[in-house]
Amino acid sequence: MDRLEHMLSIQKSLNDAIKDKRNLHDIDPMTWMQKYTLAMLSEMAELLDEVNFKWWKNEKPVDEAALKEEIVDIFHFYLSMCLAAGLDAEEMYQIYLRKNAENFARQEGKSKKPGYAVE
């Protein structure tokens, strides 16, 4: 089992434990997707607080440990979204490869998608 498969597996275990403990089994996958998206946005706001985005305040030193923890918190909810969508490690990898190649093609002006012409 690779690391991504392992993380998806233990995230599923955590999600199942939360659903059991809090009696949340009747929630459909798309409602979970909404909940995970909102949770991820909340964690992203916490991440934003770690990187001195408030130009109207004095900067503070970036707490790199807290920054990394917020990124991992976001990743927890991302993994939950993948699980809710029925996305496994292999399918995620294949879709990523296709999308990454398309993103390179866009930046090179070789995509069929409009708006990416390179002059």
Protein backbone atom coordinates (compact mmCIF):
# COMPACT_ATOMS: atom_id res chain seq x y z
CA MET A 1 0.00 0.00 0.00
CA ASP A 2 1.47 3.37 -0.96
CA ARG A 3 1.30 6.43 1.26
CA LEU A 4 -1.70 8.00 -0.45
CA GLU A 5 -3.65 4.74 -0.24
CA HIS A 6 -2.67 4.50 3.44
CA MET A 7 -3.81 8.08 4.14
CA LEU A 8 -7.14 7.46 2.38
CA SER A 9 -7.59 4.27 4.42
CA ILE A 10 -6.93 5.87 7.79
CA GLN A 11 -9.03 8.91 6.85
CA LYS A 12 -11.91 6.56 6.06
CA SER A 13 -11.43 4.96 9.48
CA LEU A 14 -11.53 8.37 11.16
CA ASN A 15 -14.61 9.43 9.18
CA ASP A 16 -16.37 6.17 10.07
CA ALA A 17 -15.48 6.59 13.75
CA ILE A 18 -16.85 10.15 13.76
CA LYS A 19 -20.05 9.01 12.03
CA ASP A 20 -20.47 6.20 14.57
CA LYS A 21 -19.73 8.33 17.63
CA ARG A 22 -21.93 11.23 16.51
CA ASN A 23 -24.67 9.17 14.80
CA LEU A 24 -24.14 10.74 11.37
CA HIS A 25 -24.71 7.75 9.08
CA ASP A 26 -27.84 9.16 7.41
CA ILE A 27 -26.00 11.98 5.65
CA ASP A 28 -25.69 11.52 1.88
CA PRO A 29 -22.32 11.84 0.08
CA MET A 30 -23.09 15.21 -1.57
CA THR A 31 -24.08 16.73 1.77
CA TRP A 32 -20.78 15.42 3.14
CA MET A 33 -19.07 17.07 0.16
CA GLN A 34 -20.64 20.39 1.18
CA LYS A 35 -19.61 19.88 4.81
CA TYR A 36 -16.04 18.95 3.85
CA THR A 37 -15.81 21.96 1.53
CA LEU A 38 -16.95 24.31 4.29
CA ALA A 39 -14.55 22.69 6.75
CA MET A 40 -11.72 23.05 4.24
CA LEU A 41 -12.56 26.73 3.74
CA SER A 42 -12.47 27.22 7.51
CA GLU A 43 -9.04 25.56 7.68
CA MET A 44 -7.86 27.68 4.74
CA ALA A 45 -8.86 30.79 6.68
CA GLU A 46 -6.77 29.52 9.59
CA LEU A 47 -3.87 28.97 7.17
CA LEU A 48 -4.30 32.49 5.85
CA ASP A 49 -3.98 33.83 9.40
CA GLU A 50 -0.59 32.11 9.64
CA VAL A 51 0.91 33.90 6.61
CA ASN A 52 0.51 37.59 7.50
CA PHE A 53 -2.10 38.47 4.88
CA LYS A 54 -3.30 41.49 6.88
CA TRP A 55 -1.26 44.27 5.32
CA TRP A 56 -2.79 46.73 7.79
CA LYS A 57 -1.13 44.99 10.76
CA ASN A 58 2.46 44.57 11.83
CA GLU A 59 3.89 41.33 10.55
CA LYS A 60 4.59 38.56 13.02
CA PRO A 61 7.04 35.74 12.55
CA VAL A 62 5.49 32.85 10.65
CA ASP A 63 5.05 29.81 12.87
CA GLU A 64 6.14 27.16 10.38
CA ALA A 65 4.90 24.28 12.54
CA ALA A 66 1.42 25.87 12.75
CA LEU A 67 1.51 26.61 9.01
CA LYS A 68 2.27 22.97 8.20
CA GLU A 69 -0.40 21.74 10.61
CA GLU A 70 -3.04 23.90 8.90
CA ILE A 71 -1.99 22.49 5.53
CA VAL A 72 -2.40 18.97 6.88
CA ASP A 73 -5.80 19.90 8.36
CA ILE A 74 -6.86 21.00 4.86
CA PHE A 75 -5.52 17.73 3.48
CA HIS A 76 -7.64 15.73 5.97
CA PHE A 77 -10.78 17.31 4.55
CA TYR A 78 -9.48 16.93 0.99
CA LEU A 79 -9.05 13.20 1.58
CA SER A 80 -12.58 13.07 3.00
CA MET A 81 -13.86 14.77 -0.16
CA CYS A 82 -12.06 12.19 -2.30
CA LEU A 83 -13.67 9.39 -0.30
CA ALA A 84 -17.13 10.98 -0.56
CA ALA A 85 -16.66 11.24 -4.34
CA GLY A 86 -15.55 7.59 -4.58
CA LEU A 87 -12.08 8.63 -5.72
CA ASP A 88 -9.29 6.16 -4.95
CA ALA A 89 -5.54 6.72 -5.16
CA GLU A 90 -5.14 5.25 -8.66
CA GLU A 91 -8.02 7.21 -10.19
CA MET A 92 -6.80 10.40 -8.49
CA TYR A 93 -3.32 9.77 -9.91
CA GLN A 94 -4.63 9.21 -13.45
CA ILE A 95 -6.86 12.30 -13.37
CA TYR A 96 -3.98 14.32 -11.93
CA LEU A 97 -1.64 13.22 -14.74
CA ARG A 98 -4.20 14.19 -17.41
CA LYS A 99 -4.95 17.55 -15.79
CA ASN A 100 -1.27 18.30 -15.23
CA ALA A 101 -0.51 17.62 -18.90
CA GLU A 102 -3.43 19.87 -19.89
CA ASN A 103 -2.17 22.64 -17.59
CA PHE A 104 1.26 22.47 -19.23
CA ALA A 105 -0.37 22.53 -22.68
CA ARG A 106 -2.34 25.62 -21.66
CA GLN A 107 0.79 27.44 -20.56
CA GLU A 108 2.54 26.47 -23.78
CA GLY A 109 -0.39 27.70 -25.91
CA LYS A 110 -1.08 24.15 -27.14
CA SER A 111 -4.46 23.62 -25.48
CA LYS A 112 -7.75 23.58 -27.31
CA LYS A 113 -9.25 25.49 -24.38
CA PRO A 114 -9.70 29.19 -25.30
CA GLY A 115 -7.92 31.93 -23.43
CA TYR A 116 -4.47 30.38 -23.17
CA ALA A 117 -2.83 31.52 -26.40
CA VAL A 118 0.81 32.42 -25.93
CA GLU A 119 1.90 35.52 -27.82
